[in-house]
């Protein structure tokens, strides 16, 4: 495959990933629909300035165009029943998303705290940052010397080296979607 074929196929893939028809991209970029068609068919090799003009319609830089990995490697979608429970305490469920994903830069958890659940009297501490949003119920969160009860729609974000603890003092289940970076599990 020549460079021309790489450019044509890559442009077509990028355009489709961004949900653009040739006509929509041509309008956004200010070029003719025929020009995009010819490039994608590898019948014309675009100049750098022409390619830049087309990519500005996405928008995407030339370096992103040539270096971006456009095909997902490994799994992308995960079903609830496939998520391993990595909770370390009773009355707590922590389902980990993408555990087998190589080189993860973050950790995403779907957490459930039953009434009376507590991450422990010893405060948690680890490297990185974490954040989350309560999607059901309430949770009492202690971070350093601050204590707050969070409800549906409330969130948190903090340096994970600060001592922290989660407690469900309510009579209902608390559900949280959270993330940590870097991953600790």
C-alpha atoms as a PDB file:
ATOM      1  CA  UNK A   1       0.000   0.000   0.000  1.00  0.00           C
ATOM      2  CA  UNK A   2       1.423   3.388  -0.963  1.00  0.00           C
ATOM      3  CA  UNK A   3       1.266   6.584   1.065  1.00  0.00           C
ATOM      4  CA  UNK A   4      -1.530   7.859  -1.195  1.00  0.00           C
ATOM      5  CA  UNK A   5      -3.643   4.822  -0.308  1.00  0.00           C
ATOM      6  CA  UNK A   6      -2.855   5.335   3.364  1.00  0.00           C
ATOM      7  CA  UNK A   7      -4.034   8.953   3.189  1.00  0.00           C
ATOM      8  CA  UNK A   8      -7.218   8.141   1.269  1.00  0.00           C
ATOM      9  CA  UNK A   9      -8.230   5.240   3.490  1.00  0.00           C
ATOM     10  CA  UNK A  10      -7.246   7.132   6.633  1.00  0.00           C
ATOM     11  CA  UNK A  11      -9.262  10.208   5.610  1.00  0.00           C
ATOM     12  CA  UNK A  12     -12.308   8.064   4.920  1.00  0.00           C
ATOM     13  CA  UNK A  13     -11.971   6.282   8.289  1.00  0.00           C
ATOM     14  CA  UNK A  14     -11.472   9.547  10.206  1.00  0.00           C
ATOM     15  CA  UNK A  15     -14.436  11.146   8.443  1.00  0.00           C
ATOM     16  CA  UNK A  16     -16.688   8.174   9.293  1.00  0.00           C
ATOM     17  CA  UNK A  17     -15.491   8.020  12.913  1.00  0.00           C
ATOM     18  CA  UNK A  18     -16.451  11.674  13.302  1.00  0.00           C
ATOM     19  CA  UNK A  19     -19.854  10.940  11.742  1.00  0.00           C
ATOM     20  CA  UNK A  20     -19.369  13.140   8.683  1.00  0.00           C
ATOM     21  CA  UNK A  21     -20.505  12.498   5.126  1.00  0.00           C
ATOM     22  CA  UNK A  22     -18.221  13.642   2.318  1.00  0.00           C
ATOM     23  CA  UNK A  23     -20.662  16.479   1.656  1.00  0.00           C
ATOM     24  CA  UNK A  24     -20.711  17.605   5.316  1.00  0.00           C
ATOM     25  CA  UNK A  25     -16.917  17.562   5.520  1.00  0.00           C
ATOM     26  CA  UNK A  26     -16.608  19.467   2.249  1.00  0.00           C
ATOM     27  CA  UNK A  27     -18.921  22.211   3.578  1.00  0.00           C
ATOM     28  CA  UNK A  28     -17.041  22.430   6.887  1.00  0.00           C
ATOM     29  CA  UNK A  29     -13.641  22.510   5.193  1.00  0.00           C
ATOM     30  CA  UNK A  30     -14.589  24.814   2.324  1.00  0.00           C
ATOM     31  CA  UNK A  31     -13.511  22.378  -0.399  1.00  0.00           C
ATOM     32  CA  UNK A  32     -15.497  20.559  -3.049  1.00  0.00           C
ATOM     33  CA  UNK A  33     -17.172  17.253  -2.358  1.00  0.00           C
ATOM     34  CA  UNK A  34     -15.368  15.907  -5.434  1.00  0.00           C
ATOM     35  CA  UNK A  35     -11.953  16.734  -3.971  1.00  0.00           C
ATOM     36  CA  UNK A  36     -12.656  14.666  -0.864  1.00  0.00           C
ATOM     37  CA  UNK A  37     -14.062  11.843  -2.972  1.00  0.00           C
ATOM     38  CA  UNK A  38     -10.973  11.772  -5.212  1.00  0.00           C
ATOM     39  CA  UNK A  39      -8.613  11.728  -2.222  1.00  0.00           C
ATOM     40  CA  UNK A  40     -10.548   8.898  -0.534  1.00  0.00           C
ATOM     41  CA  UNK A  41     -10.494   6.905  -3.798  1.00  0.00           C
ATOM     42  CA  UNK A  42      -6.715   7.461  -3.965  1.00  0.00           C
ATOM     43  CA  UNK A  43      -7.089   9.107  -7.365  1.00  0.00           C
ATOM     44  CA  UNK A  44      -5.525  12.358  -6.112  1.00  0.00           C
ATOM     45  CA  UNK A  45      -2.743  12.948  -3.614  1.00  0.00           C
ATOM     46  CA  UNK A  46      -3.513  16.089  -1.570  1.00  0.00           C
ATOM     47  CA  UNK A  47      -0.898  18.726  -0.862  1.00  0.00           C
ATOM     48  CA  UNK A  48      -0.090  19.351   2.790  1.00  0.00           C
ATOM     49  CA  UNK A  49      -2.029  22.633   2.669  1.00  0.00           C
ATOM     50  CA  UNK A  50      -5.080  20.928   1.085  1.00  0.00           C
ATOM     51  CA  UNK A  51      -4.994  18.144   3.662  1.00  0.00           C
ATOM     52  CA  UNK A  52      -4.674  20.700   6.473  1.00  0.00           C
ATOM     53  CA  UNK A  53      -7.688  22.606   5.137  1.00  0.00           C
ATOM     54  CA  UNK A  54      -9.761  19.399   5.028  1.00  0.00           C
ATOM     55  CA  UNK A  55      -8.635  18.345   8.520  1.00  0.00           C
ATOM     56  CA  UNK A  56      -9.508  21.798   9.897  1.00  0.00           C
ATOM     57  CA  UNK A  57     -13.103  20.890   9.026  1.00  0.00           C
ATOM     58  CA  UNK A  58     -13.068  17.958  11.453  1.00  0.00           C
ATOM     59  CA  UNK A  59     -11.096  19.597  13.400  1.00  0.00           C
ATOM     60  CA  UNK A  60      -7.873  17.586  13.627  1.00  0.00           C
ATOM     61  CA  UNK A  61      -4.205  18.480  13.245  1.00  0.00           C
ATOM     62  CA  UNK A  62      -2.028  16.850  10.590  1.00  0.00           C
ATOM     63  CA  UNK A  63       0.084  15.214  13.297  1.00  0.00           C
ATOM     64  CA  UNK A  64      -3.053  13.730  14.918  1.00  0.00           C
ATOM     65  CA  UNK A  65      -4.206  12.515  11.498  1.00  0.00           C
ATOM     66  CA  UNK A  66      -1.004  10.545  10.942  1.00  0.00           C
ATOM     67  CA  UNK A  67      -0.370   9.357  14.514  1.00  0.00           C
ATOM     68  CA  UNK A  68      -3.796   8.757  16.063  1.00  0.00           C
ATOM     69  CA  UNK A  69      -4.566   5.066  16.568  1.00  0.00           C
ATOM     70  CA  UNK A  70      -8.017   4.894  15.006  1.00  0.00           C
ATOM     71  CA  UNK A  71      -8.763   1.245  15.661  1.00  0.00           C
ATOM     72  CA  UNK A  72      -9.495   0.285  19.272  1.00  0.00           C
ATOM     73  CA  UNK A  73      -7.203  -2.424  20.569  1.00  0.00           C
ATOM     74  CA  UNK A  74      -8.742  -4.983  22.856  1.00  0.00           C
ATOM     75  CA  UNK A  75     -12.212  -4.842  24.301  1.00  0.00           C
ATOM     76  CA  UNK A  76     -14.186  -1.616  24.254  1.00  0.00           C
ATOM     77  CA  UNK A  77     -17.565  -2.624  25.667  1.00  0.00           C
ATOM     78  CA  UNK A  78     -18.162  -4.469  28.940  1.00  0.00           C
ATOM     79  CA  UNK A  79     -21.353  -6.037  30.298  1.00  0.00           C
ATOM     80  CA  UNK A  80     -22.297  -5.714  33.959  1.00  0.00           C
ATOM     81  CA  UNK A  81     -21.930  -9.462  34.597  1.00  0.00           C
ATOM     82  CA  UNK A  82     -18.354  -9.347  33.194  1.00  0.00           C
ATOM     83  CA  UNK A  83     -17.088  -6.737  35.663  1.00  0.00           C
ATOM     84  CA  UNK A  84     -15.056  -8.278  38.513  1.00  0.00           C
ATOM     85  CA  UNK A  85     -15.922  -7.238  42.081  1.00  0.00           C
ATOM     86  CA  UNK A  86     -12.735  -5.943  43.713  1.00  0.00           C
ATOM     87  CA  UNK A  87     -14.289  -4.652  46.960  1.00  0.00           C
ATOM     88  CA  UNK A  88     -12.175  -5.073  50.058  1.00  0.00           C
ATOM     89  CA  UNK A  89     -14.895  -4.879  52.689  1.00  0.00           C
ATOM     90  CA  UNK A  90     -18.300  -6.289  53.624  1.00  0.00           C
ATOM     91  CA  UNK A  91     -21.440  -4.570  52.338  1.00  0.00           C
ATOM     92  CA  UNK A  92     -19.430  -2.948  49.521  1.00  0.00           C
ATOM     93  CA  UNK A  93     -19.375  -3.926  45.837  1.00  0.00           C
ATOM     94  CA  UNK A  94     -16.827  -2.327  43.504  1.00  0.00           C
ATOM     95  CA  UNK A  95     -17.096  -3.451  39.901  1.00  0.00           C
ATOM     96  CA  UNK A  96     -13.967  -2.656  37.881  1.00  0.00           C
ATOM     97  CA  UNK A  97     -14.329  -1.634  34.247  1.00  0.00           C
ATOM     98  CA  UNK A  98     -11.636  -2.810  31.811  1.00  0.00           C
ATOM     99  CA  UNK A  99      -9.453  -4.751  34.234  1.00  0.00           C
ATOM    100  CA  UNK A 100      -7.745  -6.648  31.400  1.00  0.00           C
ATOM    101  CA  UNK A 101      -7.056  -3.486  29.394  1.00  0.00           C
ATOM    102  CA  UNK A 102      -3.285  -3.208  28.964  1.00  0.00           C
ATOM    103  CA  UNK A 103      -1.620   0.051  29.987  1.00  0.00           C
ATOM    104  CA  UNK A 104      -4.688   1.525  31.699  1.00  0.00           C
ATOM    105  CA  UNK A 105      -4.093   5.151  32.735  1.00  0.00           C
ATOM    106  CA  UNK A 106      -7.221   5.261  34.878  1.00  0.00           C
ATOM    107  CA  UNK A 107      -9.510   3.020  36.853  1.00  0.00           C
ATOM    108  CA  UNK A 108     -13.291   3.242  36.549  1.00  0.00           C
ATOM    109  CA  UNK A 109     -15.469   1.706  39.252  1.00  0.00           C
ATOM    110  CA  UNK A 110     -19.205   1.133  39.635  1.00  0.00           C
ATOM    111  CA  UNK A 111     -19.567   1.142  43.433  1.00  0.00           C
ATOM    112  CA  UNK A 112     -22.437   0.012  45.674  1.00  0.00           C
ATOM    113  CA  UNK A 113     -22.522   0.712  49.427  1.00  0.00           C
ATOM    114  CA  UNK A 114     -25.215  -1.129  51.385  1.00  0.00           C
ATOM    115  CA  UNK A 115     -26.682   0.530  54.499  1.00  0.00           C
ATOM    116  CA  UNK A 116     -24.005   0.571  57.212  1.00  0.00           C
ATOM    117  CA  UNK A 117     -21.152   0.001  54.730  1.00  0.00           C
ATOM    118  CA  UNK A 118     -17.850   1.567  55.752  1.00  0.00           C
ATOM    119  CA  UNK A 119     -14.461   1.480  54.022  1.00  0.00           C
ATOM    120  CA  UNK A 120     -12.925   1.055  57.487  1.00  0.00           C
ATOM    121  CA  UNK A 121     -11.871   2.981  60.558  1.00  0.00           C
ATOM    122  CA  UNK A 122      -8.393   3.408  59.083  1.00  0.00           C
ATOM    123  CA  UNK A 123      -8.516   6.072  56.454  1.00  0.00           C
ATOM    124  CA  UNK A 124      -7.567   5.069  52.901  1.00  0.00           C
ATOM    125  CA  UNK A 125      -4.501   6.636  51.235  1.00  0.00           C
ATOM    126  CA  UNK A 126      -2.870   5.907  47.887  1.00  0.00           C
ATOM    127  CA  UNK A 127      -1.138   7.651  44.997  1.00  0.00           C
ATOM    128  CA  UNK A 128      -3.062   9.631  42.417  1.00  0.00           C
ATOM    129  CA  UNK A 129      -6.379  11.396  42.209  1.00  0.00           C
ATOM    130  CA  UNK A 130      -9.946  10.203  42.389  1.00  0.00           C
ATOM    131  CA  UNK A 131     -13.349  11.528  41.617  1.00  0.00           C
ATOM    132  CA  UNK A 132     -16.892  10.327  41.386  1.00  0.00           C
ATOM    133  CA  UNK A 133     -20.579  11.131  41.199  1.00  0.00           C
ATOM    134  CA  UNK A 134     -23.355   9.717  43.383  1.00  0.00           C
ATOM    135  CA  UNK A 135     -26.049   8.230  41.139  1.00  0.00           C
ATOM    136  CA  UNK A 136     -28.293   6.752  43.860  1.00  0.00           C
ATOM    137  CA  UNK A 137     -28.660   7.281  47.608  1.00  0.00           C
ATOM    138  CA  UNK A 138     -26.264   9.179  49.864  1.00  0.00           C
ATOM    139  CA  UNK A 139     -22.707   8.679  51.134  1.00  0.00           C
ATOM    140  CA  UNK A 140     -20.739  10.344  53.896  1.00  0.00           C
ATOM    141  CA  UNK A 141     -17.252  11.122  52.594  1.00  0.00           C
ATOM    142  CA  UNK A 142     -14.347  12.193  54.766  1.00  0.00           C
ATOM    143  CA  UNK A 143     -11.316  13.717  53.010  1.00  0.00           C
ATOM    144  CA  UNK A 144      -8.627  14.968  55.372  1.00  0.00           C
ATOM    145  CA  UNK A 145     -10.453  17.032  58.001  1.00  0.00           C
ATOM    146  CA  UNK A 146     -13.544  17.618  55.820  1.00  0.00           C
ATOM    147  CA  UNK A 147     -16.720  15.552  56.151  1.00  0.00           C
ATOM    148  CA  UNK A 148     -19.666  15.902  53.797  1.00  0.00           C
ATOM    149  CA  UNK A 149     -22.785  13.892  52.980  1.00  0.00           C
ATOM    150  CA  UNK A 150     -23.258  13.675  49.230  1.00  0.00           C
ATOM    151  CA  UNK A 151     -26.571  12.948  47.468  1.00  0.00           C
ATOM    152  CA  UNK A 152     -27.626  12.054  43.911  1.00  0.00           C
ATOM    153  CA  UNK A 153     -25.832  14.290  41.421  1.00  0.00           C
ATOM    154  CA  UNK A 154     -23.200  15.432  43.941  1.00  0.00           C
ATOM    155  CA  UNK A 155     -19.587  14.604  43.214  1.00  0.00           C
ATOM    156  CA  UNK A 156     -16.076  14.662  44.611  1.00  0.00           C
ATOM    157  CA  UNK A 157     -12.541  15.030  43.297  1.00  0.00           C
ATOM    158  CA  UNK A 158      -9.390  14.974  45.452  1.00  0.00           C
ATOM    159  CA  UNK A 159      -5.740  13.978  45.795  1.00  0.00           C
ATOM    160  CA  UNK A 160      -5.877  10.340  46.943  1.00  0.00           C
ATOM    161  CA  UNK A 161      -2.888  10.799  49.250  1.00  0.00           C
ATOM    162  CA  UNK A 162      -5.228  12.707  51.549  1.00  0.00           C
ATOM    163  CA  UNK A 163      -6.701  10.273  54.101  1.00  0.00           C
ATOM    164  CA  UNK A 164     -10.262   9.416  53.051  1.00  0.00           C
ATOM    165  CA  UNK A 165     -13.185   7.201  54.029  1.00  0.00           C
ATOM    166  CA  UNK A 166     -16.655   6.356  52.659  1.00  0.00           C
ATOM    167  CA  UNK A 167     -19.581   5.507  54.993  1.00  0.00           C
ATOM    168  CA  UNK A 168     -23.218   4.830  54.125  1.00  0.00           C
ATOM    169  CA  UNK A 169     -25.184   6.036  57.164  1.00  0.00           C
ATOM    170  CA  UNK A 170     -28.526   5.850  55.332  1.00  0.00           C
ATOM    171  CA  UNK A 171     -31.062   3.028  55.165  1.00  0.00           C
ATOM    172  CA  UNK A 172     -30.752   2.709  51.369  1.00  0.00           C
ATOM    173  CA  UNK A 173     -28.073   1.608  48.915  1.00  0.00           C
ATOM    174  CA  UNK A 174     -25.628   4.244  47.678  1.00  0.00           C
ATOM    175  CA  UNK A 175     -24.365   3.884  44.117  1.00  0.00           C
ATOM    176  CA  UNK A 176     -21.338   5.794  42.795  1.00  0.00           C
ATOM    177  CA  UNK A 177     -19.504   5.909  39.476  1.00  0.00           C
ATOM    178  CA  UNK A 178     -15.866   6.771  40.213  1.00  0.00           C
ATOM    179  CA  UNK A 179     -12.452   6.980  38.651  1.00  0.00           C
ATOM    180  CA  UNK A 180      -8.888   6.866  39.957  1.00  0.00           C
ATOM    181  CA  UNK A 181      -5.739   7.840  38.128  1.00  0.00           C
ATOM    182  CA  UNK A 182      -3.368   6.084  38.070  1.00  0.00           C
ATOM    183  CA  UNK A 183      -5.200   2.796  38.636  1.00  0.00           C
ATOM    184  CA  UNK A 184      -4.621   1.218  42.033  1.00  0.00           C
ATOM    185  CA  UNK A 185      -6.277  -2.152  41.253  1.00  0.00           C
END
